Amino acid sequence: MDGRLQVFAGNSHPRLAADIMAELEAPLGRALVGTFENGETRVKLEENVRGSDVFIIQSICNPYDHHLMELLLMIDALRRASAARITAVIPYYGYAKQEKKTSGREPISAKLVANLICTAGAHRVLTIDLHAPAIEGFFDIPVDHLRATPLLARRFRQEVADGAVVVSPDAGGVARAEDFRERTGGDLAIISKRHPGADVSEALEMVGDVAGKTAVIVDDMISTGGTLGLAARLLKERGATEVRAAATHGVFAGKALKVIVDSPISRLCVADTLPLPADMPTDQIETITVAPLLAEAIMRIHKDLSISVLFT
């Protein structure tokens, strides 16, 4: 790309956008992103973007529909203003939990959102830890899918002694847990669970031995906290001396914080891909920033360099 680098942001996560720009040592692009009197989303770019390589930082988070619409309108505005390339930087990809039909007459929301982003005019997507890797294939444009596992594992490697057990809270997260285990050492355990209803989990059985050991639950997101709390109690029942947890996306829906506080989890580490609750108990929950990771990825994409080094 010969065009200059410009970065804009919606209203979903202003703190993360500011931290990314601090890493890039550049100002955030000026844009009006708000609402009209009738409640409709309003977007107006206040800078010339013709021929530029433009990045939009916007997590699709609560309120999901509003932040998704902000992203789509910003992409459309940039396309109509003749930006040379538009990259949607989506630290948290909302609507990812419905990436397949589990029963009849359901939508595949993750695919619909991918279609909307492509139709709006994005040329590529940069995201972190999609809920299902298959979502990459929903896009007809390049997707740079970063992982937060190296950041989380680096944090736990400083504290967890050899012999700790890394736990996947479900069969779908085994690859993530194994990657974490390879970086921190220790053994691997897997919890089998089922979902009898939306946002409801039931543990069935566990493979692996945690008796007399520290257990570290590794997951991609914490929504209601039900899966995490259920796994933590099961690990304690199986003899774990301490239960810790690491997750990329802290959604913390409903009473999730209370569920975690009341659980046997002594320490939870989450990335800041989403704006975290102001009343979050910082003595039990720690935050790791993804700003340096995203800033490095943005610069590498702008310079047409490989981002494979970010996975080490």
C-alpha atoms as a PDB file:
ATOM      1  CA  MET A   1       0.000   0.000   0.000  1.00  0.00           C
ATOM      2  CA  ASP A   2       1.231   3.445  -0.926  1.00  0.00           C
ATOM      3  CA  GLY A   3      -1.601   5.192   0.932  1.00  0.00           C
ATOM      4  CA  ARG A   4      -1.101   6.819   4.316  1.00  0.00           C
ATOM      5  CA  LEU A   5      -2.225   5.043   7.458  1.00  0.00           C
ATOM      6  CA  GLN A   6      -5.386   6.387   9.127  1.00  0.00           C
ATOM      7  CA  VAL A   7      -7.241   4.875  12.073  1.00  0.00           C
ATOM      8  CA  PHE A   8     -10.793   5.657  13.168  1.00  0.00           C
ATOM      9  CA  ALA A   9     -12.902   4.240  15.992  1.00  0.00           C
ATOM     10  CA  GLY A  10     -16.543   3.809  16.864  1.00  0.00           C
ATOM     11  CA  ASN A  11     -17.961   4.218  20.360  1.00  0.00           C
ATOM     12  CA  SER A  12     -17.782   0.606  21.533  1.00  0.00           C
ATOM     13  CA  HIS A  13     -14.392   0.710  23.272  1.00  0.00           C
ATOM     14  CA  PRO A  14     -12.775   4.190  23.329  1.00  0.00           C
ATOM     15  CA  ARG A  15     -10.199   3.179  25.963  1.00  0.00           C
ATOM     16  CA  LEU A  16      -8.767   0.391  23.835  1.00  0.00           C
ATOM     17  CA  ALA A  17      -8.729   2.629  20.748  1.00  0.00           C
ATOM     18  CA  ALA A  18      -6.768   5.262  22.682  1.00  0.00           C
ATOM     19  CA  ASP A  19      -4.310   2.650  23.956  1.00  0.00           C
ATOM     20  CA  ILE A  20      -3.744   1.318  20.434  1.00  0.00           C
ATOM     21  CA  MET A  21      -3.054   4.810  19.108  1.00  0.00           C
ATOM     22  CA  ALA A  22      -0.641   5.412  21.985  1.00  0.00           C
ATOM     23  CA  GLU A  23       1.259   2.322  20.835  1.00  0.00           C
ATOM     24  CA  LEU A  24       1.213   3.585  17.246  1.00  0.00           C
ATOM     25  CA  GLU A  25       2.222   7.079  18.425  1.00  0.00           C
ATOM     26  CA  ALA A  26      -0.387   8.648  16.143  1.00  0.00           C
ATOM     27  CA  PRO A  27      -3.660  10.539  16.628  1.00  0.00           C
ATOM     28  CA  LEU A  28      -7.007   8.879  16.108  1.00  0.00           C
ATOM     29  CA  GLY A  29      -8.832  10.018  12.976  1.00  0.00           C
ATOM     30  CA  ARG A  30     -11.525  12.634  13.512  1.00  0.00           C
ATOM     31  CA  ALA A  31     -15.075  11.462  12.877  1.00  0.00           C
ATOM     32  CA  LEU A  32     -18.547  12.241  14.171  1.00  0.00           C
ATOM     33  CA  VAL A  33     -20.112   9.004  15.354  1.00  0.00           C
ATOM     34  CA  GLY A  34     -23.350   9.567  17.217  1.00  0.00           C
ATOM     35  CA  THR A  35     -27.107   9.574  16.740  1.00  0.00           C
ATOM     36  CA  PHE A  36     -29.717  11.758  15.101  1.00  0.00           C
ATOM     37  CA  GLU A  37     -32.600  13.129  17.142  1.00  0.00           C
ATOM     38  CA  ASN A  38     -34.758  10.208  16.033  1.00  0.00           C
ATOM     39  CA  GLY A  39     -32.251   7.680  17.412  1.00  0.00           C
ATOM     40  CA  GLU A  40     -30.718   6.590  14.104  1.00  0.00           C
ATOM     41  CA  THR A  41     -26.941   6.203  13.998  1.00  0.00           C
ATOM     42  CA  ARG A  42     -25.082   9.136  12.476  1.00  0.00           C
ATOM     43  CA  VAL A  43     -21.587   8.983  10.972  1.00  0.00           C
ATOM     44  CA  LYS A  44     -19.572  11.759   9.334  1.00  0.00           C
ATOM     45  CA  LEU A  45     -15.852  11.607   8.587  1.00  0.00           C
ATOM     46  CA  GLU A  46     -14.028  14.842   9.358  1.00  0.00           C
ATOM     47  CA  GLU A  47     -10.809  13.991   7.525  1.00  0.00           C
ATOM     48  CA  ASN A  48      -9.839  13.337   3.909  1.00  0.00           C
ATOM     49  CA  VAL A  49      -9.329   9.584   3.423  1.00  0.00           C
ATOM     50  CA  ARG A  50      -8.979   9.420  -0.367  1.00  0.00           C
ATOM     51  CA  GLY A  51      -6.324   6.840  -1.226  1.00  0.00           C
ATOM     52  CA  SER A  52      -5.619   6.032   2.441  1.00  0.00           C
ATOM     53  CA  ASP A  53      -5.120   2.678   4.141  1.00  0.00           C
ATOM     54  CA  VAL A  54      -7.825   2.944   6.804  1.00  0.00           C
ATOM     55  CA  PHE A  55      -8.504   0.869   9.925  1.00  0.00           C
ATOM     56  CA  ILE A  56     -11.708   1.034  11.997  1.00  0.00           C
ATOM     57  CA  ILE A  57     -11.490  -0.117  15.633  1.00  0.00           C
ATOM     58  CA  GLN A  58     -14.864  -1.381  16.824  1.00  0.00           C
ATOM     59  CA  SER A  59     -15.814  -4.312  19.035  1.00  0.00           C
ATOM     60  CA  ILE A  60     -19.307  -5.654  18.380  1.00  0.00           C
ATOM     61  CA  CYS A  61     -20.486  -5.558  21.974  1.00  0.00           C
ATOM     62  CA  ASN A  62     -23.382  -4.349  24.108  1.00  0.00           C
ATOM     63  CA  PRO A  63     -25.468  -2.657  22.756  1.00  0.00           C
ATOM     64  CA  TYR A  64     -24.629  -5.083  19.962  1.00  0.00           C
ATOM     65  CA  ASP A  65     -26.986  -3.856  17.252  1.00  0.00           C
ATOM     66  CA  HIS A  66     -25.968  -0.229  17.720  1.00  0.00           C
ATOM     67  CA  HIS A  67     -22.227  -0.891  17.624  1.00  0.00           C
ATOM     68  CA  LEU A  68     -22.615  -3.170  14.609  1.00  0.00           C
ATOM     69  CA  MET A  69     -24.512  -0.420  12.786  1.00  0.00           C
ATOM     70  CA  GLU A  70     -21.797   2.110  13.676  1.00  0.00           C
ATOM     71  CA  LEU A  71     -19.208  -0.209  12.144  1.00  0.00           C
ATOM     72  CA  LEU A  72     -21.221  -0.776   8.965  1.00  0.00           C
ATOM     73  CA  LEU A  73     -21.925   2.928   8.437  1.00  0.00           C
ATOM     74  CA  MET A  74     -18.281   3.862   9.025  1.00  0.00           C
ATOM     75  CA  ILE A  75     -17.183   1.280   6.456  1.00  0.00           C
ATOM     76  CA  ASP A  76     -19.735   2.609   3.971  1.00  0.00           C
ATOM     77  CA  ALA A  77     -18.647   6.209   4.575  1.00  0.00           C
ATOM     78  CA  LEU A  78     -14.996   5.289   4.002  1.00  0.00           C
ATOM     79  CA  ARG A  79     -15.795   3.360   0.832  1.00  0.00           C
ATOM     80  CA  ARG A  80     -17.800   6.275  -0.575  1.00  0.00           C
ATOM     81  CA  ALA A  81     -14.965   8.658   0.391  1.00  0.00           C
ATOM     82  CA  SER A  82     -12.543   6.624  -1.802  1.00  0.00           C
ATOM     83  CA  ALA A  83     -10.366   5.020   0.876  1.00  0.00           C
ATOM     84  CA  ALA A  84      -7.919   2.681  -0.857  1.00  0.00           C
ATOM     85  CA  ARG A  85      -8.292  -0.126   1.688  1.00  0.00           C
ATOM     86  CA  ILE A  86     -10.603  -0.560   4.666  1.00  0.00           C
ATOM     87  CA  THR A  87      -9.765  -2.970   7.488  1.00  0.00           C
ATOM     88  CA  ALA A  88     -12.346  -3.634  10.187  1.00  0.00           C
ATOM     89  CA  VAL A  89     -10.489  -4.178  13.477  1.00  0.00           C
ATOM     90  CA  ILE A  90     -12.969  -6.147  15.584  1.00  0.00           C
ATOM     91  CA  PRO A  91     -11.344  -7.201  18.890  1.00  0.00           C
ATOM     92  CA  TYR A  92     -14.566  -8.969  19.908  1.00  0.00           C
ATOM     93  CA  TYR A  93     -16.781 -10.372  17.156  1.00  0.00           C
ATOM     94  CA  GLY A  94     -20.335 -10.323  18.485  1.00  0.00           C
ATOM     95  CA  TYR A  95     -23.055 -12.732  17.324  1.00  0.00           C
ATOM     96  CA  ALA A  96     -20.361 -15.439  17.086  1.00  0.00           C
ATOM     97  CA  LYS A  97     -22.157 -17.891  19.403  1.00  0.00           C
ATOM     98  CA  GLN A  98     -24.638 -18.742  16.625  1.00  0.00           C
ATOM     99  CA  GLU A  99     -22.180 -20.009  14.037  1.00  0.00           C
ATOM    100  CA  LYS A 100     -24.317 -23.048  13.182  1.00  0.00           C
ATOM    101  CA  LYS A 101     -27.900 -24.232  13.496  1.00  0.00           C
ATOM    102  CA  THR A 102     -28.478 -26.321  16.599  1.00  0.00           C
ATOM    103  CA  SER A 103     -32.184 -26.792  15.857  1.00  0.00           C
ATOM    104  CA  GLY A 104     -34.688 -25.949  13.172  1.00  0.00           C
ATOM    105  CA  ARG A 105     -35.785 -22.423  12.237  1.00  0.00           C
ATOM    106  CA  GLU A 106     -32.701 -20.677  13.674  1.00  0.00           C
ATOM    107  CA  PRO A 107     -30.472 -18.089  11.968  1.00  0.00           C
ATOM    108  CA  ILE A 108     -26.720 -18.407  11.532  1.00  0.00           C
ATOM    109  CA  SER A 109     -26.021 -14.980  12.988  1.00  0.00           C
ATOM    110  CA  ALA A 110     -22.231 -15.080  12.626  1.00  0.00           C
ATOM    111  CA  LYS A 111     -22.572 -15.638   8.880  1.00  0.00           C
ATOM    112  CA  LEU A 112     -25.115 -12.832   8.493  1.00  0.00           C
ATOM    113  CA  VAL A 113     -22.816 -10.364  10.275  1.00  0.00           C
ATOM    114  CA  ALA A 114     -19.922 -11.446   8.020  1.00  0.00           C
ATOM    115  CA  ASN A 115     -22.110 -10.823   4.966  1.00  0.00           C
ATOM    116  CA  LEU A 116     -23.050  -7.357   6.230  1.00  0.00           C
ATOM    117  CA  ILE A 117     -19.405  -6.381   6.819  1.00  0.00           C
ATOM    118  CA  CYS A 118     -18.394  -7.562   3.340  1.00  0.00           C
ATOM    119  CA  THR A 119     -21.377  -5.873   1.668  1.00  0.00           C
ATOM    120  CA  ALA A 120     -20.657  -2.594   3.465  1.00  0.00           C
ATOM    121  CA  GLY A 121     -17.267  -2.517   1.740  1.00  0.00           C
ATOM    122  CA  ALA A 122     -14.570  -3.813   4.103  1.00  0.00           C
ATOM    123  CA  HIS A 123     -11.506  -5.232   2.360  1.00  0.00           C
ATOM    124  CA  ARG A 124     -10.237  -7.287   5.304  1.00  0.00           C
ATOM    125  CA  VAL A 125     -10.951  -8.075   8.961  1.00  0.00           C
ATOM    126  CA  LEU A 126      -8.605  -8.168  11.952  1.00  0.00           C
ATOM    127  CA  THR A 127     -10.005  -9.921  15.007  1.00  0.00           C
ATOM    128  CA  ILE A 128      -9.029 -11.867  18.141  1.00  0.00           C
ATOM    129  CA  ASP A 129     -10.153 -15.351  19.215  1.00  0.00           C
ATOM    130  CA  LEU A 130     -13.325 -15.978  17.261  1.00  0.00           C
ATOM    131  CA  HIS A 131     -15.738 -18.159  19.215  1.00  0.00           C
ATOM    132  CA  ALA A 132     -15.573 -20.695  16.376  1.00  0.00           C
ATOM    133  CA  PRO A 133     -12.610 -20.798  13.946  1.00  0.00           C
ATOM    134  CA  ALA A 134     -15.038 -21.723  11.151  1.00  0.00           C
ATOM    135  CA  ILE A 135     -16.291 -18.112  11.174  1.00  0.00           C
ATOM    136  CA  GLU A 136     -13.155 -17.165   9.222  1.00  0.00           C
ATOM    137  CA  GLY A 137     -14.653 -19.069   6.302  1.00  0.00           C
ATOM    138  CA  PHE A 138     -17.842 -17.003   6.428  1.00  0.00           C
ATOM    139  CA  PHE A 139     -15.940 -14.053   4.947  1.00  0.00           C
ATOM    140  CA  ASP A 140     -15.104 -13.618   1.270  1.00  0.00           C
ATOM    141  CA  ILE A 141     -12.299 -11.244   2.248  1.00  0.00           C
ATOM    142  CA  PRO A 142      -9.018 -11.895   4.132  1.00  0.00           C
ATOM    143  CA  VAL A 143      -9.333 -12.421   7.881  1.00  0.00           C
ATOM    144  CA  ASP A 144      -6.343 -11.984  10.204  1.00  0.00           C
ATOM    145  CA  HIS A 145      -7.336 -14.068  13.218  1.00  0.00           C
ATOM    146  CA  LEU A 146      -5.077 -13.268  16.173  1.00  0.00           C
ATOM    147  CA  ARG A 147      -4.843 -15.324  19.368  1.00  0.00           C
ATOM    148  CA  ALA A 148      -4.627 -13.977  22.903  1.00  0.00           C
ATOM    149  CA  THR A 149      -3.282 -17.290  24.238  1.00  0.00           C
ATOM    150  CA  PRO A 150       0.393 -16.195  24.109  1.00  0.00           C
ATOM    151  CA  LEU A 151      -0.428 -13.109  26.225  1.00  0.00           C
ATOM    152  CA  LEU A 152      -2.467 -15.078  28.788  1.00  0.00           C
ATOM    153  CA  ALA A 153       0.031 -17.929  28.963  1.00  0.00           C
ATOM    154  CA  ARG A 154       2.910 -15.506  29.490  1.00  0.00           C
ATOM    155  CA  ARG A 155       1.037 -14.050  32.471  1.00  0.00           C
ATOM    156  CA  PHE A 156       0.402 -17.451  34.064  1.00  0.00           C
ATOM    157  CA  ARG A 157       3.865 -18.785  33.315  1.00  0.00           C
ATOM    158  CA  GLN A 158       5.184 -16.266  35.840  1.00  0.00           C
ATOM    159  CA  GLU A 159       3.066 -17.725  38.658  1.00  0.00           C
ATOM    160  CA  VAL A 160       2.020 -21.284  37.977  1.00  0.00           C
ATOM    161  CA  ALA A 161       4.621 -23.843  39.030  1.00  0.00           C
ATOM    162  CA  ASP A 162       5.368 -26.974  37.042  1.00  0.00           C
ATOM    163  CA  GLY A 163       2.734 -29.609  37.576  1.00  0.00           C
ATOM    164  CA  ALA A 164      -0.307 -27.340  37.123  1.00  0.00           C
ATOM    165  CA  VAL A 165      -3.186 -28.729  35.080  1.00  0.00           C
ATOM    166  CA  VAL A 166      -4.622 -26.727  32.188  1.00  0.00           C
ATOM    167  CA  VAL A 167      -8.352 -27.381  31.840  1.00  0.00           C
ATOM    168  CA  SER A 168     -10.585 -27.026  28.791  1.00  0.00           C
ATOM    169  CA  PRO A 169     -14.173 -26.393  30.025  1.00  0.00           C
ATOM    170  CA  ASP A 170     -15.591 -28.169  26.948  1.00  0.00           C
ATOM    171  CA  ALA A 171     -14.490 -30.378  24.069  1.00  0.00           C
ATOM    172  CA  GLY A 172     -14.527 -27.459  21.617  1.00  0.00           C
ATOM    173  CA  GLY A 173     -11.777 -25.641  23.505  1.00  0.00           C
ATOM    174  CA  VAL A 174      -9.238 -28.486  23.626  1.00  0.00           C
ATOM    175  CA  ALA A 175      -6.974 -26.986  20.934  1.00  0.00           C
ATOM    176  CA  ARG A 176      -6.880 -23.666  22.809  1.00  0.00           C
ATOM    177  CA  ALA A 177      -6.118 -25.353  26.125  1.00  0.00           C
ATOM    178  CA  GLU A 178      -3.405 -27.506  24.546  1.00  0.00           C
ATOM    179  CA  ASP A 179      -1.751 -24.414  23.056  1.00  0.00           C
ATOM    180  CA  PHE A 180      -1.857 -22.787  26.501  1.00  0.00           C
ATOM    181  CA  ARG A 181      -0.433 -25.942  28.128  1.00  0.00           C
ATOM    182  CA  GLU A 182       2.470 -26.104  25.678  1.00  0.00           C
ATOM    183  CA  ARG A 183       3.393 -22.565  26.670  1.00  0.00           C
ATOM    184  CA  THR A 184       3.059 -22.999  30.451  1.00  0.00           C
ATOM    185  CA  GLY A 185       3.827 -26.659  31.026  1.00  0.00           C
ATOM    186  CA  GLY A 186       1.809 -29.100  33.089  1.00  0.00           C
ATOM    187  CA  ASP A 187      -0.916 -31.572  32.188  1.00  0.00           C
ATOM    188  CA  LEU A 188      -4.232 -31.302  30.363  1.00  0.00           C
ATOM    189  CA  ALA A 189      -7.769 -32.035  31.546  1.00  0.00           C
ATOM    190  CA  ILE A 190     -11.028 -31.831  29.627  1.00  0.00           C
ATOM    191  CA  ILE A 191     -14.543 -31.297  30.964  1.00  0.00           C
ATOM    192  CA  SER A 192     -17.459 -32.652  28.969  1.00  0.00           C
ATOM    193  CA  LYS A 193     -20.598 -30.549  29.110  1.00  0.00           C
ATOM    194  CA  ARG A 194     -23.891 -30.037  27.331  1.00  0.00           C
ATOM    195  CA  HIS A 195     -26.201 -27.080  26.774  1.00  0.00           C
ATOM    196  CA  PRO A 196     -29.816 -27.971  27.615  1.00  0.00           C
ATOM    197  CA  GLY A 197     -30.837 -24.383  26.820  1.00  0.00           C
ATOM    198  CA  ALA A 198     -29.513 -20.968  25.789  1.00  0.00           C
ATOM    199  CA  ASP A 199     -26.762 -19.769  28.176  1.00  0.00           C
ATOM    200  CA  VAL A 200     -27.238 -22.916  30.301  1.00  0.00           C
ATOM    201  CA  SER A 201     -24.458 -25.464  30.828  1.00  0.00           C
ATOM    202  CA  GLU A 202     -24.289 -28.823  32.580  1.00  0.00           C
ATOM    203  CA  ALA A 203     -21.046 -30.656  33.325  1.00  0.00           C
ATOM    204  CA  LEU A 204     -21.123 -34.375  32.537  1.00  0.00           C
ATOM    205  CA  GLU A 205     -17.652 -35.774  33.212  1.00  0.00           C
ATOM    206  CA  MET A 206     -13.976 -34.882  33.293  1.00  0.00           C
ATOM    207  CA  VAL A 207     -10.950 -36.548  31.728  1.00  0.00           C
ATOM    208  CA  GLY A 208      -7.691 -35.916  33.597  1.00  0.00           C
ATOM    209  CA  ASP A 209      -6.380 -35.765  37.159  1.00  0.00           C
ATOM    210  CA  VAL A 210      -6.336 -32.505  39.126  1.00  0.00           C
ATOM    211  CA  ALA A 211      -6.073 -33.887  42.656  1.00  0.00           C
ATOM    212  CA  GLY A 212      -3.517 -31.975  44.713  1.00  0.00           C
ATOM    213  CA  LYS A 213      -2.718 -29.603  41.845  1.00  0.00           C
ATOM    214  CA  THR A 214      -3.458 -26.057  40.690  1.00  0.00           C
ATOM    215  CA  ALA A 215      -6.022 -26.052  37.887  1.00  0.00           C
ATOM    216  CA  VAL A 216      -6.150 -23.293  35.245  1.00  0.00           C
ATOM    217  CA  ILE A 217      -9.355 -23.105  33.210  1.00  0.00           C
ATOM    218  CA  VAL A 218      -8.774 -21.665  29.738  1.00  0.00           C
ATOM    219  CA  ASP A 219     -11.693 -20.366  27.658  1.00  0.00           C
ATOM    220  CA  ASP A 220     -12.312 -17.890  24.844  1.00  0.00           C
ATOM    221  CA  MET A 221     -15.100 -15.917  26.533  1.00  0.00           C
ATOM    222  CA  ILE A 222     -17.005 -15.471  29.761  1.00  0.00           C
ATOM    223  CA  SER A 223     -20.644 -14.628  29.113  1.00  0.00           C
ATOM    224  CA  THR A 224     -22.932 -15.532  32.024  1.00  0.00           C
ATOM    225  CA  GLY A 225     -20.116 -17.187  33.962  1.00  0.00           C
ATOM    226  CA  GLY A 226     -22.126 -20.409  34.213  1.00  0.00           C
ATOM    227  CA  THR A 227     -19.593 -22.594  32.411  1.00  0.00           C
ATOM    228  CA  LEU A 228     -16.705 -21.183  34.431  1.00  0.00           C
ATOM    229  CA  GLY A 229     -18.443 -21.566  37.787  1.00  0.00           C
ATOM    230  CA  LEU A 230     -19.576 -25.086  36.959  1.00  0.00           C
ATOM    231  CA  ALA A 231     -16.071 -26.119  35.895  1.00  0.00           C
ATOM    232  CA  ALA A 232     -14.467 -24.555  38.977  1.00  0.00           C
ATOM    233  CA  ARG A 233     -16.785 -26.422  41.363  1.00  0.00           C
ATOM    234  CA  LEU A 234     -16.182 -29.714  39.573  1.00  0.00           C
ATOM    235  CA  LEU A 235     -12.398 -29.203  39.782  1.00  0.00           C
ATOM    236  CA  LYS A 236     -12.606 -28.540  43.506  1.00  0.00           C
ATOM    237  CA  GLU A 237     -14.711 -31.662  43.952  1.00  0.00           C
ATOM    238  CA  ARG A 238     -11.988 -33.613  42.133  1.00  0.00           C
ATOM    239  CA  GLY A 239      -9.339 -32.382  44.557  1.00  0.00           C
ATOM    240  CA  ALA A 240      -7.763 -29.320  42.917  1.00  0.00           C
ATOM    241  CA  THR A 241      -5.900 -27.268  45.541  1.00  0.00           C
ATOM    242  CA  GLU A 242      -6.535 -23.988  43.698  1.00  0.00           C
ATOM    243  CA  VAL A 243      -8.565 -22.967  40.645  1.00  0.00           C
ATOM    244  CA  ARG A 244      -7.545 -20.111  38.385  1.00  0.00           C
ATOM    245  CA  ALA A 245      -8.925 -19.056  35.013  1.00  0.00           C
ATOM    246  CA  ALA A 246      -7.905 -17.242  31.853  1.00  0.00           C
ATOM    247  CA  ALA A 247     -10.206 -15.985  29.089  1.00  0.00           C
ATOM    248  CA  THR A 248      -9.918 -13.629  26.153  1.00  0.00           C
ATOM    249  CA  HIS A 249     -13.311 -11.929  26.117  1.00  0.00           C
ATOM    250  CA  GLY A 250     -14.963 -10.726  29.317  1.00  0.00           C
ATOM    251  CA  VAL A 251     -18.590 -10.272  28.267  1.00  0.00           C
ATOM    252  CA  PHE A 252     -19.872 -10.542  31.863  1.00  0.00           C
ATOM    253  CA  ALA A 253     -23.560 -10.658  31.005  1.00  0.00           C
ATOM    254  CA  GLY A 254     -26.252 -10.577  33.650  1.00  0.00           C
ATOM    255  CA  LYS A 255     -25.006 -11.744  37.062  1.00  0.00           C
ATOM    256  CA  ALA A 256     -21.714 -13.122  35.702  1.00  0.00           C
ATOM    257  CA  LEU A 257     -19.536 -11.131  38.111  1.00  0.00           C
ATOM    258  CA  LYS A 258     -21.468 -12.449  41.125  1.00  0.00           C
ATOM    259  CA  VAL A 259     -21.204 -15.996  39.785  1.00  0.00           C
ATOM    260  CA  ILE A 260     -17.425 -15.631  39.518  1.00  0.00           C
ATOM    261  CA  VAL A 261     -17.036 -13.981  42.927  1.00  0.00           C
ATOM    262  CA  ASP A 262     -19.079 -16.771  44.540  1.00  0.00           C
ATOM    263  CA  SER A 263     -17.140 -19.501  42.700  1.00  0.00           C
ATOM    264  CA  PRO A 264     -13.966 -21.290  43.909  1.00  0.00           C
ATOM    265  CA  ILE A 265     -11.883 -19.310  41.364  1.00  0.00           C
ATOM    266  CA  SER A 266      -9.088 -17.486  43.174  1.00  0.00           C
ATOM    267  CA  ARG A 267      -7.854 -15.495  40.183  1.00  0.00           C
ATOM    268  CA  LEU A 268      -9.279 -14.706  36.748  1.00  0.00           C
ATOM    269  CA  CYS A 269      -7.305 -13.039  33.965  1.00  0.00           C
ATOM    270  CA  VAL A 270      -9.139 -11.516  30.971  1.00  0.00           C
ATOM    271  CA  ALA A 271      -8.037  -9.441  27.994  1.00  0.00           C
ATOM    272  CA  ASP A 272      -9.477  -5.985  27.351  1.00  0.00           C
ATOM    273  CA  THR A 273     -11.123  -6.774  23.992  1.00  0.00           C
ATOM    274  CA  LEU A 274     -14.344  -5.466  25.552  1.00  0.00           C
ATOM    275  CA  PRO A 275     -14.991  -2.554  27.916  1.00  0.00           C
ATOM    276  CA  LEU A 276     -15.030  -4.147  31.359  1.00  0.00           C
ATOM    277  CA  PRO A 277     -17.557  -3.335  34.127  1.00  0.00           C
ATOM    278  CA  ALA A 278     -16.658  -0.472  36.423  1.00  0.00           C
ATOM    279  CA  ASP A 279     -17.621  -2.559  39.472  1.00  0.00           C
ATOM    280  CA  MET A 280     -15.358  -5.449  38.523  1.00  0.00           C
ATOM    281  CA  PRO A 281     -13.583  -6.865  41.614  1.00  0.00           C
ATOM    282  CA  THR A 282      -9.956  -6.090  40.742  1.00  0.00           C
ATOM    283  CA  ASP A 283      -8.660  -8.174  43.658  1.00  0.00           C
ATOM    284  CA  GLN A 284      -9.986 -11.300  41.929  1.00  0.00           C
ATOM    285  CA  ILE A 285     -10.055 -10.285  38.244  1.00  0.00           C
ATOM    286  CA  GLU A 286      -6.997  -9.012  36.386  1.00  0.00           C
ATOM    287  CA  THR A 287      -6.900  -7.388  32.944  1.00  0.00           C
ATOM    288  CA  ILE A 288      -4.278  -7.846  30.232  1.00  0.00           C
ATOM    289  CA  THR A 289      -4.262  -5.371  27.366  1.00  0.00           C
ATOM    290  CA  VAL A 290      -4.297  -6.421  23.721  1.00  0.00           C
ATOM    291  CA  ALA A 291      -3.413  -2.892  22.544  1.00  0.00           C
ATOM    292  CA  PRO A 292       0.256  -3.684  21.713  1.00  0.00           C
ATOM    293  CA  LEU A 293      -0.806  -6.833  19.850  1.00  0.00           C
ATOM    294  CA  LEU A 294      -3.393  -4.995  17.741  1.00  0.00           C
ATOM    295  CA  ALA A 295      -1.099  -2.035  17.133  1.00  0.00           C
ATOM    296  CA  GLU A 296       1.638  -4.335  15.858  1.00  0.00           C
ATOM    297  CA  ALA A 297      -0.857  -6.176  13.648  1.00  0.00           C
ATOM    298  CA  ILE A 298      -2.183  -2.900  12.212  1.00  0.00           C
ATOM    299  CA  MET A 299       1.309  -1.709  11.352  1.00  0.00           C
ATOM    300  CA  ARG A 300       2.257  -5.048   9.795  1.00  0.00           C
ATOM    301  CA  ILE A 301      -0.897  -5.140   7.674  1.00  0.00           C
ATOM    302  CA  HIS A 302      -0.261  -1.550   6.574  1.00  0.00           C
ATOM    303  CA  LYS A 303       3.285  -2.436   5.513  1.00  0.00           C
ATOM    304  CA  ASP A 304       2.179  -5.741   3.926  1.00  0.00           C
ATOM    305  CA  LEU A 305       4.314  -7.744   6.363  1.00  0.00           C
ATOM    306  CA  SER A 306       3.560 -11.173   7.796  1.00  0.00           C
ATOM    307  CA  ILE A 307       1.741 -11.312  11.112  1.00  0.00           C
ATOM    308  CA  SER A 308       2.711 -14.923  11.806  1.00  0.00           C
ATOM    309  CA  VAL A 309       5.346 -13.731  14.274  1.00  0.00           C
ATOM    310  CA  LEU A 310       2.524 -12.522  16.527  1.00  0.00           C
ATOM    311  CA  PHE A 311       1.531 -16.123  17.247  1.00  0.00           C
ATOM    312  CA  THR A 312       4.807 -17.048  18.950  1.00  0.00           C
END
